[in-house]
Amino acid sequence: MATISPRDAQWREQLRASMTAKERTAIPRAKMTELDPAYRITCNEEVNQGLTQEQALVEARRCLDCPDPQCMTGCPVAINIPGFIKNIERGEFAQATAVLKETSALPAVCGRVCPQERQCESRCIYNKMKREPVAIGYLERFAADYTRNHPSGEKIEKPALNGKKVAVIGSGPAGLSFAGDMIKRGYQVTVFEALHQIGGVLKYGIPEFRLPNAVVDVEIDALRALGVEFVKDCVVGKTLSYDDLIADGFDGIFVASGAGLPRFMGVKGENLIGVMSSNEYLTRINLMGAGHEGWDTPVLKGKRIAVIGGGNTAMDSVRTARRMGAEVAMIVYRRSEAEMPARLEEVRHAKEEGVIFNTLANPIEYIGDENGHVTKMLLQRMELGEPDASGRRSPVAIEGAIDEIDVDIVIVSVGVSPNPLIPNSVEGLNISPKGTIVVDDSLQSSIPMLFAGGDIVRGGATVILAMGDGRKAAAAMHEKLS
């Protein structure tokens, strides 16, 4: 059960006196303004425009002050959700952000990309009332954005150092979350990033129309202001070794190198020109500026683009293709739309932007021209059978039902595998058959004081789950180093 401060308890009583629960439940959930689809496919501007101050105040009033707030049990980083929402309701937006940052290093990021509908909002008591849950994600974004746009000017005080230092390998959500918690505990923290920008998958994997780089940079700058040091263009396992880090005096190491190895399907013709992974496609465009003025990075462009997969990365890829000029952009997914793992909002946005959904279909061959460039694909039509281990109904091929479709580019988005560099370069590190680092309940590996979390352990997960790993590993490492 969440602890209620005397100040919040007093505020709660005042609220109950001023507005009944019945009046609160009668308030409709806030609707966020979005860019018009016809306009947004011509640019990279953020689609969701955020809540206005008035909308945020009204939405915060919908919170019913549950004695045992179940929303918190759905948050992997244990944000004090009632605490930050009540501060918004009081109009104390900076304090709301302070509450968020007690447990989250990236509130402006999480407010945009976390699947709240499957986590905190899924536990909201409004669901039992057959009503829309409190827009926790919208409110989190509002608080973080308001504080960013209205800086207080107060100087951030760096925590006093305790004389110990830790290394973080990878600057994605797991690494940044770990770094934030450890710097607050007084450790000297150095984050090593292989690429030329800090942010990991937040920069190379998520398009700016969903998560602007400027938002990520502000969160990173906040960590830098606390004293976290960042080293770019440094590939641990090549530029530096594990032994080098130990020799440099690091007392603990957290591996958060992610799952950057693309996964393909073994379909005939996958080696044709124009068939690529979503990892390559998004990295070229998001991180390396392909297709944008002033950048020389090449990227293939086509009129008819197919994206294979049904997750958020597939939606990011197909929506990016629309912005890159594709006249026909389609999702090819072997199950039905109901089984898609992508967020409902992302699916809706894709449809609004003209994306075609070719479900219950699976590619079985890519066909190329005399120059080796893909021109067609053969799709096997599917039907749903019995549920598999994930609980979703398994796709079963319909005998003889094969379609031929013209394509210029095929983007494969069927998952990723762990980055093998760290696992293969650290002697004695226990690795699973899938290439992930094996850890115990505290996220410590087979090597003492080497912890790991995020996709390098999970093999592919959400931003918030990776952040949860970072917090858990930080607490465990701190306990051992203390």
Protein backbone atom coordinates (compact mmCIF):
# COMPACT_ATOMS: atom_id res chain seq x y z
CA MET A 1 0.00 0.00 0.00
CA ALA A 2 1.30 3.46 -0.87
CA THR A 3 2.26 5.70 2.03
CA ILE A 4 0.14 8.86 2.27
CA SER A 5 1.91 11.92 3.67
CA PRO A 6 0.06 14.14 6.19
CA ARG A 7 0.02 16.89 3.56
CA ASP A 8 -1.57 14.60 0.97
CA ALA A 9 -4.02 13.26 3.53
CA GLN A 10 -5.16 16.80 4.28
CA TRP A 11 -5.46 17.53 0.57
CA ARG A 12 -7.44 14.33 0.09
CA GLU A 13 -9.99 15.38 2.69
CA GLN A 14 -10.33 18.81 1.07
CA LEU A 15 -10.93 17.16 -2.31
CA ARG A 16 -13.57 14.85 -0.95
CA ALA A 17 -15.34 17.78 0.56
CA SER A 18 -15.24 19.75 -2.70
CA MET A 19 -16.05 16.96 -5.20
CA THR A 20 -17.73 13.61 -4.66
CA ALA A 21 -16.54 10.36 -6.19
CA LYS A 22 -19.65 10.32 -8.34
CA GLU A 23 -18.78 13.73 -9.73
CA ARG A 24 -15.22 12.59 -10.45
CA THR A 25 -16.32 9.47 -12.30
CA ALA A 26 -18.62 11.58 -14.46
CA ILE A 27 -15.63 13.44 -15.94
CA PRO A 28 -14.74 12.02 -19.39
CA ARG A 29 -11.15 10.94 -20.03
CA ALA A 30 -9.00 13.62 -21.68
CA LYS A 31 -8.44 13.36 -25.43
CA MET A 32 -5.00 14.39 -26.62
CA THR A 33 -4.70 16.62 -29.68
CA GLU A 34 -2.95 14.97 -32.64
CA LEU A 35 -1.52 16.29 -35.89
CA ASP A 36 -3.72 15.78 -38.95
CA PRO A 37 -2.72 12.54 -40.76
CA ALA A 38 -2.48 14.23 -44.17
CA TYR A 39 0.04 16.68 -42.75
CA ARG A 40 2.02 14.44 -40.46
CA ILE A 41 3.06 11.97 -43.17
CA THR A 42 4.85 14.87 -44.87
CA CYS A 43 7.13 15.56 -41.89
CA ASN A 44 8.72 14.10 -38.78
CA GLU A 45 6.90 16.25 -36.24
CA GLU A 46 5.55 14.58 -33.12
CA VAL A 47 2.04 13.28 -33.72
CA ASN A 48 0.73 13.51 -30.15
CA GLN A 49 0.66 17.13 -29.02
CA GLY A 50 0.23 16.61 -25.28
CA LEU A 51 -2.42 17.83 -22.83
CA THR A 52 -3.10 21.49 -22.16
CA GLN A 53 -2.78 22.70 -18.59
CA GLU A 54 -6.57 22.83 -18.28
CA GLN A 55 -6.92 19.28 -19.62
CA ALA A 56 -4.29 18.01 -17.17
CA LEU A 57 -6.00 19.63 -14.19
CA VAL A 58 -9.36 18.13 -15.13
CA GLU A 59 -7.91 14.68 -15.87
CA ALA A 60 -6.07 14.66 -12.55
CA ARG A 61 -9.39 15.23 -10.80
CA ARG A 62 -10.63 11.90 -12.14
CA CYS A 63 -8.23 10.05 -9.79
CA LEU A 64 -10.33 8.56 -6.98
CA ASP A 65 -7.59 8.43 -4.33
CA CYS A 66 -7.82 4.66 -3.91
CA PRO A 67 -6.73 3.52 -0.42
CA ASP A 68 -4.69 0.75 -2.08
CA PRO A 69 -3.71 2.13 -5.51
CA GLN A 70 -3.32 -0.89 -7.78
CA CYS A 71 -2.00 1.31 -10.59
CA MET A 72 1.38 1.30 -8.83
CA THR A 73 1.55 -2.50 -8.95
CA GLY A 74 1.45 -2.30 -12.73
CA CYS A 75 4.46 0.03 -13.01
CA PRO A 76 7.83 -1.74 -13.47
CA VAL A 77 9.68 1.20 -11.87
CA ALA A 78 7.16 1.68 -9.03
CA ILE A 79 6.28 5.32 -9.70
CA ASN A 80 4.21 6.93 -6.95
CA ILE A 81 1.32 7.47 -9.33
CA PRO A 82 -1.21 8.92 -6.87
CA GLY A 83 1.50 11.23 -5.53
CA PHE A 84 2.38 12.83 -8.83
CA ILE A 85 -1.25 13.04 -9.98
CA LYS A 86 -2.34 14.78 -6.79
CA ASN A 87 0.42 17.35 -7.30
CA ILE A 88 -0.91 18.03 -10.79
CA GLU A 89 -4.39 18.46 -9.34
CA ARG A 90 -2.98 21.03 -6.90
CA GLY A 91 -1.30 22.84 -9.80
CA GLU A 92 2.14 21.98 -8.42
CA PHE A 93 3.58 20.67 -11.68
CA ALA A 94 7.26 20.89 -10.76
CA GLN A 95 6.57 18.89 -7.60
CA ALA A 96 4.73 16.30 -9.71
CA THR A 97 7.86 15.88 -11.83
CA ALA A 98 9.98 15.63 -8.68
CA VAL A 99 7.81 12.74 -7.51
CA LEU A 100 8.20 11.05 -10.91
CA LYS A 101 11.97 11.44 -10.83
CA GLU A 102 12.21 9.76 -7.45
CA THR A 103 11.90 6.45 -9.30
CA SER A 104 12.09 7.24 -13.03
CA ALA A 105 15.08 8.74 -14.81
CA LEU A 106 13.04 9.25 -18.00
CA PRO A 107 9.50 10.48 -17.24
CA ALA A 108 9.09 12.43 -20.48
CA VAL A 109 10.12 9.32 -22.42
CA CYS A 110 7.91 6.92 -20.48
CA GLY A 111 4.93 9.25 -20.80
CA ARG A 112 5.26 8.85 -24.57
CA VAL A 113 6.28 5.27 -25.30
CA CYS A 114 5.27 3.10 -22.34
CA PRO A 115 2.34 0.70 -22.91
CA GLN A 116 0.36 2.17 -20.02
CA GLU A 117 -2.80 0.45 -21.26
CA ARG A 118 -1.17 -2.90 -20.37
CA GLN A 119 0.52 -1.75 -17.19
CA CYS A 120 -0.53 1.00 -14.77
CA GLU A 121 -3.76 1.99 -16.52
CA SER A 122 -4.84 -1.65 -16.79
CA ARG A 123 -4.97 -1.76 -12.96
CA CYS A 124 -6.97 1.46 -12.58
CA ILE A 125 -10.21 1.00 -10.62
CA TYR A 126 -12.14 2.67 -13.45
CA ASN A 127 -11.76 -0.56 -15.46
CA LYS A 128 -13.95 -2.36 -12.92
CA MET A 129 -16.55 0.35 -13.44
CA LYS A 130 -16.46 -0.23 -17.20
CA ARG A 131 -15.06 3.27 -17.61
CA GLU A 132 -11.90 4.52 -19.30
CA PRO A 133 -8.95 4.54 -16.86
CA VAL A 134 -7.22 7.69 -15.66
CA ALA A 135 -4.81 8.83 -18.40
CA ILE A 136 -1.71 8.18 -16.31
CA GLY A 137 0.65 8.26 -19.28
CA TYR A 138 -0.76 11.55 -20.57
CA LEU A 139 -0.36 13.10 -17.12
CA GLU A 140 3.20 11.81 -16.74
CA ARG A 141 4.12 13.37 -20.07
CA PHE A 142 2.39 16.64 -19.15
CA ALA A 143 4.29 17.02 -15.88
CA ALA A 144 7.67 16.24 -17.44
CA ASP A 145 7.05 18.51 -20.44
CA TYR A 146 5.80 21.37 -18.28
CA THR A 147 8.92 21.26 -16.13
CA ARG A 148 11.14 21.11 -19.22
CA ASN A 149 9.39 24.10 -20.78
CA HIS A 150 9.27 26.08 -17.53
CA PRO A 151 12.69 25.58 -15.89
CA SER A 152 12.92 26.83 -12.34
CA GLY A 153 16.48 28.05 -12.73
CA GLU A 154 17.52 26.24 -9.56
CA LYS A 155 21.01 24.79 -9.68
CA ILE A 156 21.07 21.00 -9.51
CA GLU A 157 23.25 19.83 -6.64
CA LYS A 158 25.44 16.87 -7.41
CA PRO A 159 25.26 14.06 -4.83
CA ALA A 160 28.27 13.63 -2.56
CA LEU A 161 30.48 10.84 -3.91
CA ASN A 162 31.14 7.76 -1.79
CA GLY A 163 34.52 6.93 -3.35
CA LYS A 164 33.34 4.02 -5.49
CA LYS A 165 32.76 3.99 -9.21
CA VAL A 166 30.67 1.89 -11.56
CA ALA A 167 30.60 1.39 -15.32
CA VAL A 168 27.52 1.12 -17.49
CA ILE A 169 27.78 -0.52 -20.91
CA GLY A 170 25.06 0.91 -23.13
CA SER A 171 23.07 4.14 -22.89
CA GLY A 172 19.61 2.82 -23.60
CA PRO A 173 16.75 2.86 -21.09
CA ALA A 174 18.20 0.15 -18.82
CA GLY A 175 21.61 1.84 -18.68
CA LEU A 176 20.21 5.33 -18.10
CA SER A 177 17.87 4.11 -15.36
CA PHE A 178 20.73 2.31 -13.61
CA ALA A 179 22.98 5.36 -13.95
CA GLY A 180 20.34 7.65 -12.46
CA ASP A 181 19.84 5.49 -9.39
CA MET A 182 23.55 4.94 -8.78
CA ILE A 183 24.57 8.60 -9.12
CA LYS A 184 21.92 9.48 -6.52
CA ARG A 185 23.51 6.94 -4.18
CA GLY A 186 26.87 8.68 -4.49
CA TYR A 187 28.69 6.48 -6.99
CA GLN A 188 30.88 7.88 -9.74
CA VAL A 189 29.07 6.64 -12.86
CA THR A 190 30.52 6.34 -16.36
CA VAL A 191 28.30 5.24 -19.26
CA PHE A 192 30.03 3.76 -22.32
CA GLU A 193 28.11 4.00 -25.60
CA ALA A 194 29.21 2.34 -28.84
CA LEU A 195 27.40 4.82 -31.12
CA HIS A 196 27.99 8.52 -31.68
CA GLN A 197 24.86 9.59 -29.81
CA ILE A 198 23.68 8.83 -26.29
CA GLY A 199 20.29 7.18 -25.90
CA GLY A 200 20.56 3.73 -27.44
CA VAL A 201 17.27 2.44 -28.83
CA LEU A 202 15.57 5.68 -27.77
CA LYS A 203 17.57 7.39 -30.51
CA TYR A 204 18.09 4.79 -33.23
CA GLY A 205 14.95 2.70 -32.82
CA ILE A 206 12.08 5.10 -32.11
CA PRO A 207 11.21 7.74 -34.75
CA GLU A 208 10.97 11.39 -33.78
CA PHE A 209 7.30 11.53 -34.70
CA ARG A 210 6.78 9.32 -31.64
CA LEU A 211 9.70 10.37 -29.42
CA PRO A 212 11.59 13.57 -30.37
CA ASN A 213 15.35 13.46 -29.85
CA ALA A 214 15.15 16.80 -28.03
CA VAL A 215 13.03 15.15 -25.32
CA VAL A 216 15.56 12.35 -24.88
CA ASP A 217 18.45 14.84 -24.77
CA VAL A 218 16.85 16.81 -21.92
CA GLU A 219 16.52 13.64 -19.85
CA ILE A 220 20.17 12.76 -20.58
CA ASP A 221 21.30 16.29 -19.71
CA ALA A 222 19.55 15.95 -16.35
CA LEU A 223 21.67 12.88 -15.61
CA ARG A 224 24.77 14.69 -16.82
CA ALA A 225 23.97 17.58 -14.46
CA LEU A 226 23.89 15.09 -11.57
CA GLY A 227 27.41 14.00 -12.48
CA VAL A 228 26.96 11.01 -14.80
CA GLU A 229 29.80 10.87 -17.35
CA PHE A 230 29.15 9.68 -20.89
CA VAL A 231 31.75 8.22 -23.25
CA LYS A 232 30.64 7.89 -26.90
CA ASP A 233 32.13 5.88 -29.77
CA CYS A 234 33.45 3.29 -27.35
CA VAL A 235 32.71 -0.36 -28.09
CA VAL A 236 33.25 -2.38 -24.93
CA GLY A 237 34.53 -5.73 -26.12
CA LYS A 238 36.60 -4.03 -28.84
CA THR A 239 37.72 -0.49 -27.88
CA LEU A 240 37.83 -1.50 -24.22
CA SER A 241 37.75 -4.95 -22.67
CA TYR A 242 36.17 -6.14 -19.44
CA ASP A 243 39.69 -6.48 -18.02
CA ASP A 244 40.42 -2.85 -18.98
CA LEU A 245 37.40 -1.69 -16.96
CA ILE A 246 38.51 -3.69 -13.93
CA ALA A 247 42.05 -2.34 -14.30
CA ASP A 248 40.60 1.19 -14.40
CA GLY A 249 39.21 0.63 -10.91
CA PHE A 250 35.50 0.15 -11.55
CA ASP A 251 33.93 -1.57 -8.57
CA GLY A 252 30.88 -2.78 -10.47
CA ILE A 253 29.74 -3.14 -14.08
CA PHE A 254 26.20 -3.10 -15.45
CA VAL A 255 25.75 -4.50 -18.95
CA ALA A 256 22.85 -2.91 -20.82
CA SER A 257 24.06 -3.43 -24.38
CA GLY A 258 20.63 -4.31 -25.72
CA ALA A 259 19.47 -6.60 -28.49
CA GLY A 260 20.78 -5.01 -31.64
CA LEU A 261 21.24 -8.14 -33.73
CA PRO A 262 18.54 -8.35 -36.43
CA ARG A 263 16.51 -11.52 -36.76
CA PHE A 264 15.38 -12.88 -40.13
CA MET A 265 12.96 -15.66 -41.06
CA GLY A 266 15.04 -17.83 -43.38
CA VAL A 267 12.68 -17.11 -46.27
CA LYS A 268 13.96 -17.82 -49.79
CA GLY A 269 15.19 -14.59 -51.38
CA GLU A 270 16.03 -12.74 -48.15
CA ASN A 271 19.44 -11.91 -49.60
CA LEU A 272 17.92 -9.87 -52.44
CA ILE A 273 18.61 -6.15 -52.66
CA GLY A 274 15.77 -4.30 -50.98
CA VAL A 275 15.17 -6.83 -48.20
CA MET A 276 16.47 -5.43 -44.93
CA SER A 277 15.86 -5.50 -41.19
CA SER A 278 13.84 -2.87 -39.38
CA ASN A 279 16.92 -2.31 -37.22
CA GLU A 280 18.97 -1.22 -40.24
CA TYR A 281 16.14 0.80 -41.79
CA LEU A 282 15.30 2.77 -38.65
CA THR A 283 18.94 3.30 -37.64
CA ARG A 284 19.85 4.75 -41.03
CA ILE A 285 16.93 7.20 -40.89
CA ASN A 286 16.60 7.99 -37.17
CA LEU A 287 20.24 8.09 -36.14
CA MET A 288 22.11 8.72 -39.37
CA GLY A 289 19.76 11.14 -41.13
CA ALA A 290 19.20 9.09 -44.28
CA GLY A 291 16.83 10.81 -46.66
CA HIS A 292 17.09 14.16 -44.88
CA GLU A 293 18.70 17.30 -46.23
CA GLY A 294 22.34 17.71 -45.28
CA TRP A 295 22.96 14.00 -44.66
CA ASP A 296 24.82 11.65 -46.99
CA THR A 297 23.66 8.36 -45.46
CA PRO A 298 22.01 6.25 -48.19
CA VAL A 299 18.72 4.44 -47.76
CA LEU A 300 16.58 2.62 -50.29
CA LYS A 301 13.29 4.29 -51.20
CA GLY A 302 10.38 2.57 -52.88
CA LYS A 303 6.79 3.09 -53.91
CA ARG A 304 5.50 -0.25 -52.58
CA ILE A 305 6.92 -1.23 -49.19
CA ALA A 306 5.98 -4.24 -47.07
CA VAL A 307 6.87 -4.51 -43.38
CA ILE A 308 6.80 -8.03 -41.95
CA GLY A 309 5.67 -8.11 -38.32
CA GLY A 310 3.05 -6.74 -35.94
CA GLY A 311 4.93 -5.09 -33.08
CA ASN A 312 5.69 -1.46 -32.28
CA THR A 313 8.91 -1.59 -34.31
CA ALA A 314 6.95 -2.78 -37.33
CA MET A 315 4.54 0.17 -36.88
CA ASP A 316 7.49 2.56 -36.56
CA SER A 317 8.98 1.15 -39.75
CA VAL A 318 5.84 1.27 -41.88
CA ARG A 319 4.92 4.77 -40.68
CA THR A 320 8.47 5.90 -41.43
CA ALA A 321 8.12 4.43 -44.92
CA ARG A 322 5.04 6.59 -45.51
CA ARG A 323 7.06 9.64 -44.50
CA MET A 324 9.83 8.56 -46.86
CA GLY A 325 7.46 8.67 -49.82
CA ALA A 326 5.99 5.17 -50.08
CA GLU A 327 2.70 5.28 -51.97
CA VAL A 328 1.72 1.82 -50.74
CA ALA A 329 2.93 0.81 -47.28
CA MET A 330 1.59 -2.39 -45.81
CA ILE A 331 1.92 -4.50 -42.69
CA VAL A 332 2.16 -8.25 -43.32
CA TYR A 333 1.34 -10.20 -40.16
CA ARG A 334 0.76 -13.92 -39.81
CA ARG A 335 -1.96 -13.63 -37.16
CA SER A 336 -5.06 -11.45 -37.03
CA GLU A 337 -5.03 -7.83 -35.93
CA ALA A 338 -6.41 -8.84 -32.51
CA GLU A 339 -3.19 -10.75 -31.77
CA MET A 340 -0.85 -7.91 -32.73
CA PRO A 341 1.55 -6.98 -29.90
CA ALA A 342 1.77 -3.35 -31.06
CA ARG A 343 0.07 -0.66 -29.00
CA LEU A 344 -3.49 0.07 -30.10
CA GLU A 345 -2.58 3.74 -30.51
CA GLU A 346 0.23 2.88 -32.91
CA VAL A 347 -2.07 0.67 -34.97
CA ARG A 348 -4.68 3.44 -35.11
CA HIS A 349 -2.12 6.04 -36.13
CA ALA A 350 -0.80 3.75 -38.87
CA LYS A 351 -4.29 3.23 -40.29
CA GLU A 352 -4.96 6.98 -40.21
CA GLU A 353 -1.77 7.47 -42.21
CA GLY A 354 -2.92 5.14 -44.96
CA VAL A 355 -1.09 1.94 -43.98
CA ILE A 356 -2.64 -1.27 -45.34
CA PHE A 357 -2.95 -4.19 -42.91
CA ASN A 358 -2.44 -7.53 -44.65
CA THR A 359 -3.13 -9.93 -41.78
CA LEU A 360 -3.27 -13.72 -41.64
CA ALA A 361 -0.47 -13.77 -44.21
CA ASN A 362 3.12 -14.94 -44.05
CA PRO A 363 5.92 -14.48 -46.63
CA ILE A 364 7.28 -17.72 -48.05
CA GLU A 365 9.47 -16.34 -50.86
CA TYR A 366 10.87 -13.07 -52.22
CA ILE A 367 11.38 -12.83 -55.99
CA GLY A 368 13.92 -10.55 -57.65
CA ASP A 369 14.69 -9.14 -61.08
CA GLU A 370 17.79 -9.70 -63.23
CA ASN A 371 19.69 -7.14 -61.12
CA GLY A 372 18.99 -8.98 -57.90
CA HIS A 373 16.47 -6.45 -56.56
CA VAL A 374 13.30 -7.67 -54.90
CA THR A 375 10.17 -7.10 -57.02
CA LYS A 376 7.57 -9.50 -55.65
CA MET A 377 6.75 -11.60 -52.63
CA LEU A 378 4.69 -14.75 -52.22
CA LEU A 379 2.34 -14.70 -49.23
CA GLN A 380 0.94 -17.84 -47.67
CA ARG A 381 -2.59 -17.25 -46.39
CA MET A 382 -3.11 -18.37 -42.79
CA GLU A 383 -5.91 -19.20 -40.37
CA LEU A 384 -5.83 -19.32 -36.58
CA GLY A 385 -5.51 -22.64 -34.79
CA GLU A 386 -5.03 -23.51 -31.13
CA PRO A 387 -3.29 -21.11 -28.68
CA ASP A 388 0.48 -21.44 -28.32
CA ALA A 389 2.69 -20.89 -25.25
CA SER A 390 2.12 -17.12 -25.43
CA GLY A 391 -1.64 -17.61 -25.22
CA ARG A 392 -2.20 -16.37 -28.76
CA ARG A 393 -3.81 -18.63 -31.35
CA SER A 394 -1.22 -20.17 -33.64
CA PRO A 395 -1.27 -19.37 -37.35
CA VAL A 396 -1.85 -22.38 -39.60
CA ALA A 397 -1.25 -22.35 -43.36
CA ILE A 398 -4.25 -22.71 -45.65
CA GLU A 399 -3.21 -25.26 -48.26
CA GLY A 400 -2.94 -23.79 -51.74
CA ALA A 401 -3.81 -20.22 -50.68
CA ILE A 402 -0.83 -18.23 -51.95
CA ASP A 403 -0.87 -14.61 -53.17
CA GLU A 404 1.76 -12.79 -55.26
CA ILE A 405 2.25 -9.11 -54.41
CA ASP A 406 4.46 -6.47 -56.05
CA VAL A 407 7.00 -4.83 -53.71
CA ASP A 408 10.04 -2.53 -54.01
CA ILE A 409 11.31 -2.92 -50.46
CA VAL A 410 10.70 -5.48 -47.71
CA ILE A 411 11.48 -4.58 -44.11
CA VAL A 412 11.67 -7.54 -41.75
CA SER A 413 10.54 -6.74 -38.21
CA VAL A 414 10.12 -10.07 -36.47
CA GLY A 415 12.27 -9.43 -33.42
CA VAL A 416 15.91 -9.02 -32.48
CA SER A 417 18.58 -11.08 -30.78
CA PRO A 418 20.99 -9.98 -28.03
CA ASN A 419 24.12 -8.09 -29.00
CA PRO A 420 26.77 -10.86 -28.92
CA LEU A 421 29.79 -8.62 -28.37
CA ILE A 422 29.82 -8.57 -24.55
CA PRO A 423 28.74 -12.20 -24.06
CA ASN A 424 31.47 -13.40 -26.42
CA SER A 425 34.23 -11.21 -25.01
CA VAL A 426 33.99 -11.85 -21.26
CA GLU A 427 35.58 -15.11 -20.19
CA GLY A 428 33.55 -17.11 -17.69
CA LEU A 429 30.28 -15.32 -18.36
CA ASN A 430 27.32 -17.71 -18.34
CA ILE A 431 25.29 -17.34 -21.55
CA SER A 432 21.92 -18.91 -22.42
CA PRO A 433 21.33 -20.87 -25.66
CA LYS A 434 19.57 -17.76 -27.00
CA GLY A 435 22.66 -15.63 -26.42
CA THR A 436 21.32 -13.72 -23.43
CA ILE A 437 23.36 -13.17 -20.27
CA VAL A 438 22.19 -15.49 -17.50
CA VAL A 439 21.50 -13.62 -14.24
CA ASP A 440 20.10 -14.45 -10.82
CA ASP A 441 17.12 -12.80 -9.14
CA SER A 442 19.24 -9.73 -8.33
CA LEU A 443 20.38 -9.50 -12.00
CA GLN A 444 23.96 -10.47 -11.10
CA SER A 445 25.72 -12.65 -13.66
CA SER A 446 28.05 -15.59 -13.07
CA ILE A 447 30.85 -13.04 -12.61
CA PRO A 448 30.76 -11.23 -9.25
CA MET A 449 29.84 -7.52 -9.52
CA LEU A 450 28.92 -7.84 -13.19
CA PHE A 451 25.19 -7.25 -13.47
CA ALA A 452 23.04 -7.13 -16.59
CA GLY A 453 19.54 -6.07 -17.55
CA GLY A 454 17.24 -5.02 -20.36
CA ASP A 455 17.26 -6.72 -23.74
CA ILE A 456 20.66 -8.36 -23.21
CA VAL A 457 18.90 -10.43 -20.53
CA ARG A 458 15.31 -10.44 -21.76
CA GLY A 459 16.07 -10.77 -25.47
CA GLY A 460 13.68 -7.96 -26.38
CA ALA A 461 11.24 -6.01 -24.21
CA THR A 462 9.70 -2.60 -23.62
CA VAL A 463 11.47 0.59 -22.53
CA ILE A 464 9.84 0.54 -19.10
CA LEU A 465 10.73 -3.11 -18.41
CA ALA A 466 14.35 -2.31 -19.28
CA MET A 467 14.21 0.66 -16.91
CA GLY A 468 12.83 -1.59 -14.21
CA ASP A 469 15.83 -3.87 -14.66
CA GLY A 470 18.15 -0.89 -14.32
CA ARG A 471 16.57 0.11 -11.00
CA LYS A 472 16.59 -3.45 -9.68
CA ALA A 473 20.24 -3.98 -10.62
CA ALA A 474 21.22 -0.64 -9.06
CA ALA A 475 19.60 -1.56 -5.75
CA ALA A 476 21.24 -4.99 -5.74
CA MET A 477 24.71 -3.72 -6.69
CA HIS A 478 24.49 -0.96 -4.09
CA GLU A 479 23.63 -3.50 -1.41
CA LYS A 480 26.63 -5.65 -2.30
CA LEU A 481 29.04 -2.72 -2.61
CA SER A 482 27.86 -1.37 0.73
